[in-house]
Amino acid sequence: MLFVAPRSAWTVLDDWHGVLGLRGSGSNSIHMEQARIPAHFTREAFLLDLPVEGGSVGSKLHGNPMYAGRAPSFFHGEPAAIMIGTAYAAADEYARIVAARPLTLEPTRTRADLHDYQRHLGEALGVIDMAEAALRQSAQDWMETCRRNVTGEAPFTVVEDNRLAPMFLNAGRAAWDVLQGILFRTAGSRHARDGERMQRYFRDAATYWTHVGASMGEPLTRRVGCDRLGLPSQDIPLIP
């Protein structure tokens, strides 16, 4: 069941302050005790499988096909965009770090003069640019699927949802891989200290990678494989 709870029915718990990263995201838990939810604030539906075939109340109300898209694939696009932005920020910080770090044996030169660090930065930017291109194209595909759904050309099915979601996930994964595998790894241990931007980017990205959304990658790819093989896939749970 989906529901909207009146503000008087719940309290926010201060249980997000000790998390590794994303400390400003406000993902606090809430507590409800003996709360009453009016029936007209509820809807019997499962967020991961809201039927939108042929359009929705939202698409008709706003005249925008975006409101007739399935939720899981859309959701995966949101953190992927954040991950790619974080990776770009880490690349900017990496460029600053290597340009400011003198070489131990040649203090008149910096790491920016060394081929290895030039290659590290170039490889990272290439992957991040690729991830952004994948994200943008996946978003366009998602909107086109919404449009076809509203016009009646083709419904936005669970199979389409299964196909689109890993595209977003893979874009976010590429950003994570390059952030932790190249930028954070080769920036130097001094930039893993508290207060360093590179450390914060790593912590935020690592926290995303532990999120339930990222953990859907494995069951989603299994669903896509089953869809391609003509096997049932909806019974494969996305959330453990």
Foldseek 3Di string as FASTA:
>chain_A
DDFDFPPVFKDWDPPQCPALAPSVVRPTDIDGDPGDGDPVRDDPDDLQDDFLFQHDPVCVVVVALVRSFRDLLVVLLVVLVVLLVLLVVLLVVLVVLQQPAADPVGRVHGNVPDPVSVVLSVVSVVLSVVLVVLSVVLVVVRRVQSVCRNVVVDTNDVLVSLVSNVSSLVSSVSSLCSLVVRRLVPSDPVQCDPPHSSVRSNSHSVVVCPDLSVVLNVLSVVLNVCVVVVHDRPVRDSGD
